[in-house]
Amino acid sequence: LRRTDAAPLLGKIEALLADGGYHWNYAHAMARGMFGRDKVEYLDNAQLHKLAAALQIAANRKKKKGG
């Protein structure tokens, strides 16, 4: 896996975290829970896609609730 391929996904994850007011530790905890990996950096591209999707779903839910 070339990390340059993951750069846009990592950027999206970073933006979603910032928008939600979350720290990178939140994403690492999600990676642990979803894939058994300790850090986001250890995920492959497919897993990064799933993590970004999960963060987007959470952001959409948060918006819908108005908070």
C-alpha atoms as a PDB file:
ATOM      1  CA  LEU A   1       0.000   0.000   0.000  1.00  0.00           C
ATOM      2  CA  ARG A   2       1.341   3.381  -0.965  1.00  0.00           C
ATOM      3  CA  ARG A   3       0.400   6.032   1.574  1.00  0.00           C
ATOM      4  CA  THR A   4       0.144   8.667  -1.163  1.00  0.00           C
ATOM      5  CA  ASP A   5      -2.977   6.800  -2.336  1.00  0.00           C
ATOM      6  CA  ALA A   6      -4.458   7.256   1.120  1.00  0.00           C
ATOM      7  CA  ALA A   7      -3.731  10.991   1.416  1.00  0.00           C
ATOM      8  CA  PRO A   8      -7.118  12.198   0.089  1.00  0.00           C
ATOM      9  CA  LEU A   9      -8.950   9.767   2.372  1.00  0.00           C
ATOM     10  CA  LEU A  10      -6.895  10.819   5.378  1.00  0.00           C
ATOM     11  CA  GLY A  11      -7.679  14.431   4.504  1.00  0.00           C
ATOM     12  CA  LYS A  12     -11.391  13.645   4.399  1.00  0.00           C
ATOM     13  CA  ILE A  13     -11.182  11.830   7.739  1.00  0.00           C
ATOM     14  CA  GLU A  14      -9.307  14.784   9.222  1.00  0.00           C
ATOM     15  CA  ALA A  15     -11.945  17.221   7.933  1.00  0.00           C
ATOM     16  CA  LEU A  16     -14.787  15.092   9.323  1.00  0.00           C
ATOM     17  CA  LEU A  17     -13.062  14.920  12.702  1.00  0.00           C
ATOM     18  CA  ALA A  18     -12.531  18.696  12.730  1.00  0.00           C
ATOM     19  CA  ASP A  19     -16.137  19.389  11.720  1.00  0.00           C
ATOM     20  CA  GLY A  20     -17.397  17.105  14.453  1.00  0.00           C
ATOM     21  CA  GLY A  21     -15.048  18.560  17.056  1.00  0.00           C
ATOM     22  CA  TYR A  22     -13.287  15.213  17.494  1.00  0.00           C
ATOM     23  CA  HIS A  23      -9.611  14.449  18.111  1.00  0.00           C
ATOM     24  CA  TRP A  24      -7.636  11.903  16.091  1.00  0.00           C
ATOM     25  CA  ASN A  25      -7.954   9.607  19.125  1.00  0.00           C
ATOM     26  CA  TYR A  26     -11.643   9.263  18.244  1.00  0.00           C
ATOM     27  CA  ALA A  27     -10.702   7.956  14.786  1.00  0.00           C
ATOM     28  CA  HIS A  28      -8.098   5.614  16.293  1.00  0.00           C
ATOM     29  CA  ALA A  29     -10.747   4.238  18.670  1.00  0.00           C
ATOM     30  CA  MET A  30     -13.098   3.713  15.720  1.00  0.00           C
ATOM     31  CA  ALA A  31     -10.321   1.897  13.822  1.00  0.00           C
ATOM     32  CA  ARG A  32      -9.799  -0.314  16.866  1.00  0.00           C
ATOM     33  CA  GLY A  33     -13.500  -1.072  17.193  1.00  0.00           C
ATOM     34  CA  MET A  34     -14.203  -1.585  13.509  1.00  0.00           C
ATOM     35  CA  PHE A  35     -11.049  -3.385  12.370  1.00  0.00           C
ATOM     36  CA  GLY A  36      -8.978  -4.332  15.414  1.00  0.00           C
ATOM     37  CA  ARG A  37      -6.225  -1.922  14.337  1.00  0.00           C
ATOM     38  CA  ASP A  38      -4.718   0.441  16.902  1.00  0.00           C
ATOM     39  CA  LYS A  39      -4.211   3.393  14.590  1.00  0.00           C
ATOM     40  CA  VAL A  40      -5.817   4.854  11.490  1.00  0.00           C
ATOM     41  CA  GLU A  41      -2.394   4.679   9.790  1.00  0.00           C
ATOM     42  CA  TYR A  42      -2.541   0.869   9.919  1.00  0.00           C
ATOM     43  CA  LEU A  43      -5.742   0.657   7.855  1.00  0.00           C
ATOM     44  CA  ASP A  44      -5.732  -0.249   4.190  1.00  0.00           C
ATOM     45  CA  ASN A  45      -7.591   1.867   1.621  1.00  0.00           C
ATOM     46  CA  ALA A  46     -10.807  -0.166   1.814  1.00  0.00           C
ATOM     47  CA  GLN A  47     -10.826   0.180   5.602  1.00  0.00           C
ATOM     48  CA  LEU A  48     -10.108   3.919   5.327  1.00  0.00           C
ATOM     49  CA  HIS A  49     -13.121   4.243   3.014  1.00  0.00           C
ATOM     50  CA  LYS A  50     -15.305   2.486   5.583  1.00  0.00           C
ATOM     51  CA  LEU A  51     -13.992   4.649   8.405  1.00  0.00           C
ATOM     52  CA  ALA A  52     -14.627   7.843   6.406  1.00  0.00           C
ATOM     53  CA  ALA A  53     -18.150   6.602   5.613  1.00  0.00           C
ATOM     54  CA  ALA A  54     -18.822   5.874   9.292  1.00  0.00           C
ATOM     55  CA  LEU A  55     -17.622   9.362  10.267  1.00  0.00           C
ATOM     56  CA  GLN A  56     -19.809  10.895   7.531  1.00  0.00           C
ATOM     57  CA  ILE A  57     -22.854   8.962   8.771  1.00  0.00           C
ATOM     58  CA  ALA A  58     -22.156  10.142  12.317  1.00  0.00           C
ATOM     59  CA  ALA A  59     -21.836  13.747  11.082  1.00  0.00           C
ATOM     60  CA  ASN A  60     -25.121  13.465   9.185  1.00  0.00           C
ATOM     61  CA  ARG A  61     -26.874  12.127  12.279  1.00  0.00           C
ATOM     62  CA  LYS A  62     -25.423  14.914  14.397  1.00  0.00           C
ATOM     63  CA  LYS A  63     -26.635  17.520  11.888  1.00  0.00           C
ATOM     64  CA  LYS A  64     -30.104  15.988  11.750  1.00  0.00           C
ATOM     65  CA  LYS A  65     -30.388  16.184  15.551  1.00  0.00           C
ATOM     66  CA  GLY A  66     -29.390  19.835  15.361  1.00  0.00           C
ATOM     67  CA  GLY A  67     -26.283  19.577  17.396  1.00  0.00           C
END
